[in-house]
Protein backbone atom coordinates (compact mmCIF):
# COMPACT_ATOMS: atom_id res chain seq x y z
CA MET A 1 15.72 -24.38 -5.09
CA TRP A 2 13.13 -21.91 -6.40
CA ASP A 3 11.41 -24.64 -8.41
CA VAL A 4 10.80 -26.62 -5.24
CA LEU A 5 9.47 -23.56 -3.41
CA PHE A 6 7.16 -22.42 -6.21
CA GLY A 7 6.14 -25.98 -6.95
CA LEU A 8 4.53 -26.17 -3.52
CA LEU A 9 2.35 -23.11 -4.04
CA PRO A 10 -0.56 -23.08 -6.47
CA LYS A 11 -0.16 -20.56 -9.30
CA ASN A 12 -3.38 -18.77 -8.33
CA LEU A 13 -2.05 -18.18 -4.83
CA ILE A 14 1.14 -16.63 -6.22
CA ILE A 15 -0.89 -14.25 -8.41
CA ILE A 16 -3.20 -13.26 -5.54
CA CYS A 17 -0.27 -12.64 -3.18
CA THR A 18 1.51 -10.56 -5.82
CA ILE A 19 -1.56 -8.39 -6.31
CA LEU A 20 -2.05 -8.02 -2.55
CA ALA A 21 1.62 -7.10 -2.11
CA PHE A 22 0.88 -4.03 -4.24
CA LEU A 23 -2.68 -3.23 -3.15
CA VAL A 24 -2.23 -3.36 0.63
CA PRO A 25 0.61 -0.78 0.89
CA TYR A 26 -1.05 1.40 -1.77
CA GLY A 27 -4.35 1.27 0.13
CA VAL A 28 -2.64 2.22 3.39
CA TYR A 29 -0.91 5.12 1.63
CA LYS A 30 -4.20 6.42 0.18
CA ILE A 31 -6.04 6.07 3.51
CA ASN A 32 -3.20 7.91 5.25
CA GLN A 33 -3.48 10.78 2.74
CA LYS A 34 -7.25 11.04 3.30
CA LEU A 35 -6.78 11.05 7.08
CA HIS A 36 -4.20 13.84 6.82
CA GLU A 37 -6.50 15.88 4.58
CA ALA A 38 -9.32 15.56 7.09
CA GLY A 39 -7.41 15.78 10.35
CA ASP A 40 -4.40 18.05 9.97
CA PRO A 41 -4.68 21.47 11.63
CA PRO A 42 -4.95 24.52 9.32
CA TRP A 43 -1.42 25.74 10.04
CA LYS A 44 0.01 22.40 8.96
CA LYS A 45 -2.05 22.33 5.74
CA ASP A 46 -0.59 25.71 4.77
CA MET A 47 2.93 24.46 5.49
CA ASN A 48 2.44 21.37 3.28
CA LYS A 49 1.31 23.49 0.31
CA ASN A 50 4.58 25.45 0.39
CA GLU A 51 6.70 22.29 0.04
């Protein structure tokens, strides 16, 4: 079953999709952290440091 499925996809496409499956969520996570650093109000920044 898996041989048929992977046989249809080129190996390069599998490698690219695997890399993107890691990079896209990681990039969203990092962008979210930067947005919180820049946009959170001061009282919330103090609360996050205590945790």
